[in-house]
């Protein structure tokens, strides 16, 4: 057996893992005092989890609302531009028809040639 180095600190006895650590029957049962000590930490962890999840869901909903509003505004702008374009085309066709009507009214003799 090799000699231990005296300069190297040894872990305290409580930190050593017993050889039967994997045996469920050998594990210590948590006491009521230990449970009371961990209860506030457990409650704080659960509270932070719930608050974090709620905040994330709220932020997700708000960003979805903003994106939906921006999409609606973009759709309205696009539909307005399309309507104006269609209106200009119809007005152009009506102007052409009025020009041809004036051509036929100005002359009695209109032919294809």
C-alpha atoms as a PDB file:
ATOM      1  CA  UNK A   1       0.000   0.000   0.000  1.00  0.00           C
ATOM      2  CA  UNK A   2       1.484   3.395  -0.983  1.00  0.00           C
ATOM      3  CA  UNK A   3       2.199   5.849   1.759  1.00  0.00           C
ATOM      4  CA  UNK A   4      -0.113   8.838   1.935  1.00  0.00           C
ATOM      5  CA  UNK A   5       1.306  12.285   1.378  1.00  0.00           C
ATOM      6  CA  UNK A   6       0.980  14.210   4.669  1.00  0.00           C
ATOM      7  CA  UNK A   7       0.750  17.542   2.804  1.00  0.00           C
ATOM      8  CA  UNK A   8      -2.312  16.383   0.917  1.00  0.00           C
ATOM      9  CA  UNK A   9      -5.468  17.066   2.955  1.00  0.00           C
ATOM     10  CA  UNK A  10      -7.828  14.219   3.442  1.00  0.00           C
ATOM     11  CA  UNK A  11     -11.553  14.750   2.914  1.00  0.00           C
ATOM     12  CA  UNK A  12     -13.610  14.870   6.062  1.00  0.00           C
ATOM     13  CA  UNK A  13     -15.206  11.566   7.017  1.00  0.00           C
ATOM     14  CA  UNK A  14     -18.716  12.842   6.166  1.00  0.00           C
ATOM     15  CA  UNK A  15     -17.680  13.463   2.549  1.00  0.00           C
ATOM     16  CA  UNK A  16     -16.515   9.915   1.980  1.00  0.00           C
ATOM     17  CA  UNK A  17     -18.843   7.728  -0.001  1.00  0.00           C
ATOM     18  CA  UNK A  18     -19.611   4.522   1.841  1.00  0.00           C
ATOM     19  CA  UNK A  19     -19.097   1.288  -0.028  1.00  0.00           C
ATOM     20  CA  UNK A  20     -22.809   0.462   0.265  1.00  0.00           C
ATOM     21  CA  UNK A  21     -23.983   3.853  -1.161  1.00  0.00           C
ATOM     22  CA  UNK A  22     -25.791   2.186  -4.034  1.00  0.00           C
ATOM     23  CA  UNK A  23     -27.807  -0.047  -1.733  1.00  0.00           C
ATOM     24  CA  UNK A  24     -31.259   1.593  -1.289  1.00  0.00           C
ATOM     25  CA  UNK A  25     -31.710  -0.017   2.103  1.00  0.00           C
ATOM     26  CA  UNK A  26     -28.454   1.517   3.376  1.00  0.00           C
ATOM     27  CA  UNK A  27     -29.330   5.086   2.376  1.00  0.00           C
ATOM     28  CA  UNK A  28     -30.273   7.412   5.228  1.00  0.00           C
ATOM     29  CA  UNK A  29     -33.910   8.423   5.460  1.00  0.00           C
ATOM     30  CA  UNK A  30     -34.409  12.216   5.418  1.00  0.00           C
ATOM     31  CA  UNK A  31     -35.446  13.470   8.806  1.00  0.00           C
ATOM     32  CA  UNK A  32     -38.208  15.955   9.482  1.00  0.00           C
ATOM     33  CA  UNK A  33     -35.628  18.620  10.350  1.00  0.00           C
ATOM     34  CA  UNK A  34     -33.899  18.118   7.013  1.00  0.00           C
ATOM     35  CA  UNK A  35     -37.225  18.337   5.215  1.00  0.00           C
ATOM     36  CA  UNK A  36     -38.073  21.569   7.061  1.00  0.00           C
ATOM     37  CA  UNK A  37     -34.689  23.023   6.118  1.00  0.00           C
ATOM     38  CA  UNK A  38     -35.176  22.265   2.430  1.00  0.00           C
ATOM     39  CA  UNK A  39     -38.860  23.266   2.250  1.00  0.00           C
ATOM     40  CA  UNK A  40     -38.246  27.034   1.789  1.00  0.00           C
ATOM     41  CA  UNK A  41     -35.625  26.367  -0.882  1.00  0.00           C
ATOM     42  CA  UNK A  42     -37.942  23.964  -2.655  1.00  0.00           C
ATOM     43  CA  UNK A  43     -40.811  26.466  -2.478  1.00  0.00           C
ATOM     44  CA  UNK A  44     -38.569  29.276  -3.763  1.00  0.00           C
ATOM     45  CA  UNK A  45     -37.379  27.109  -6.650  1.00  0.00           C
ATOM     46  CA  UNK A  46     -40.964  26.218  -7.578  1.00  0.00           C
ATOM     47  CA  UNK A  47     -42.039  29.851  -7.282  1.00  0.00           C
ATOM     48  CA  UNK A  48     -39.196  30.976  -9.551  1.00  0.00           C
ATOM     49  CA  UNK A  49     -40.092  28.264 -12.040  1.00  0.00           C
ATOM     50  CA  UNK A  50     -43.733  29.373 -12.121  1.00  0.00           C
ATOM     51  CA  UNK A  51     -42.836  33.077 -12.357  1.00  0.00           C
ATOM     52  CA  UNK A  52     -40.272  32.436 -15.099  1.00  0.00           C
ATOM     53  CA  UNK A  53     -42.664  30.297 -17.093  1.00  0.00           C
ATOM     54  CA  UNK A  54     -45.467  32.835 -16.699  1.00  0.00           C
ATOM     55  CA  UNK A  55     -43.210  35.696 -17.752  1.00  0.00           C
ATOM     56  CA  UNK A  56     -42.019  33.746 -20.783  1.00  0.00           C
ATOM     57  CA  UNK A  57     -45.589  32.939 -21.828  1.00  0.00           C
ATOM     58  CA  UNK A  58     -46.640  36.582 -21.348  1.00  0.00           C
ATOM     59  CA  UNK A  59     -43.706  37.832 -23.444  1.00  0.00           C
ATOM     60  CA  UNK A  60     -44.462  35.240 -26.126  1.00  0.00           C
ATOM     61  CA  UNK A  61     -48.111  36.344 -26.260  1.00  0.00           C
ATOM     62  CA  UNK A  62     -47.164  40.031 -26.466  1.00  0.00           C
ATOM     63  CA  UNK A  63     -44.658  39.409 -29.260  1.00  0.00           C
ATOM     64  CA  UNK A  64     -47.274  37.349 -31.122  1.00  0.00           C
ATOM     65  CA  UNK A  65     -49.738  40.250 -30.767  1.00  0.00           C
ATOM     66  CA  UNK A  66     -47.161  42.741 -32.059  1.00  0.00           C
ATOM     67  CA  UNK A  67     -46.321  40.523 -35.034  1.00  0.00           C
ATOM     68  CA  UNK A  68     -50.005  40.008 -35.829  1.00  0.00           C
ATOM     69  CA  UNK A  69     -50.605  43.774 -35.691  1.00  0.00           C
ATOM     70  CA  UNK A  70     -47.623  44.427 -37.976  1.00  0.00           C
ATOM     71  CA  UNK A  71     -48.896  41.785 -40.408  1.00  0.00           C
ATOM     72  CA  UNK A  72     -52.353  43.394 -40.398  1.00  0.00           C
ATOM     73  CA  UNK A  73     -50.867  46.835 -41.079  1.00  0.00           C
ATOM     74  CA  UNK A  74     -48.739  45.428 -43.921  1.00  0.00           C
ATOM     75  CA  UNK A  75     -51.770  43.637 -45.396  1.00  0.00           C
ATOM     76  CA  UNK A  76     -53.853  46.824 -45.220  1.00  0.00           C
ATOM     77  CA  UNK A  77     -51.081  48.789 -46.944  1.00  0.00           C
ATOM     78  CA  UNK A  78     -50.699  46.142 -49.654  1.00  0.00           C
ATOM     79  CA  UNK A  79     -54.457  45.926 -50.246  1.00  0.00           C
ATOM     80  CA  UNK A  80     -54.691  49.736 -50.461  1.00  0.00           C
ATOM     81  CA  UNK A  81     -51.881  49.794 -53.045  1.00  0.00           C
ATOM     82  CA  UNK A  82     -53.555  46.998 -55.009  1.00  0.00           C
ATOM     83  CA  UNK A  83     -56.875  48.826 -54.943  1.00  0.00           C
ATOM     84  CA  UNK A  84     -55.246  52.038 -56.165  1.00  0.00           C
ATOM     85  CA  UNK A  85     -53.418  50.155 -58.931  1.00  0.00           C
ATOM     86  CA  UNK A  86     -56.627  48.455 -60.036  1.00  0.00           C
ATOM     87  CA  UNK A  87     -58.473  51.787 -59.935  1.00  0.00           C
ATOM     88  CA  UNK A  88     -55.787  53.375 -62.149  1.00  0.00           C
ATOM     89  CA  UNK A  89     -56.055  50.531 -64.670  1.00  0.00           C
ATOM     90  CA  UNK A  90     -59.839  50.771 -64.826  1.00  0.00           C
ATOM     91  CA  UNK A  91     -59.619  54.552 -65.206  1.00  0.00           C
ATOM     92  CA  UNK A  92     -57.098  54.109 -68.041  1.00  0.00           C
ATOM     93  CA  UNK A  93     -59.453  51.707 -69.840  1.00  0.00           C
ATOM     94  CA  UNK A  94     -62.367  54.115 -69.384  1.00  0.00           C
ATOM     95  CA  UNK A  95     -60.231  56.930 -70.842  1.00  0.00           C
ATOM     96  CA  UNK A  96     -59.440  54.725 -73.860  1.00  0.00           C
ATOM     97  CA  UNK A  97     -63.127  53.977 -74.359  1.00  0.00           C
ATOM     98  CA  UNK A  98     -63.989  57.672 -74.109  1.00  0.00           C
ATOM     99  CA  UNK A  99     -61.278  58.438 -76.706  1.00  0.00           C
ATOM    100  CA  UNK A 100     -62.634  55.845 -79.135  1.00  0.00           C
ATOM    101  CA  UNK A 101     -66.161  57.119 -78.560  1.00  0.00           C
ATOM    102  CA  UNK A 102     -65.023  60.654 -79.367  1.00  0.00           C
ATOM    103  CA  UNK A 103     -63.265  59.350 -82.505  1.00  0.00           C
ATOM    104  CA  UNK A 104     -66.469  57.732 -83.768  1.00  0.00           C
ATOM    105  CA  UNK A 105     -68.569  60.807 -82.923  1.00  0.00           C
ATOM    106  CA  UNK A 106     -66.151  63.144 -84.711  1.00  0.00           C
ATOM    107  CA  UNK A 107     -66.312  61.328 -88.041  1.00  0.00           C
ATOM    108  CA  UNK A 108     -69.149  59.702 -89.910  1.00  0.00           C
ATOM    109  CA  UNK A 109     -66.838  57.598 -92.051  1.00  0.00           C
ATOM    110  CA  UNK A 110     -64.810  55.255 -89.819  1.00  0.00           C
ATOM    111  CA  UNK A 111     -63.210  52.181 -91.340  1.00  0.00           C
ATOM    112  CA  UNK A 112     -60.822  49.466 -90.253  1.00  0.00           C
ATOM    113  CA  UNK A 113     -58.114  50.555 -92.645  1.00  0.00           C
END
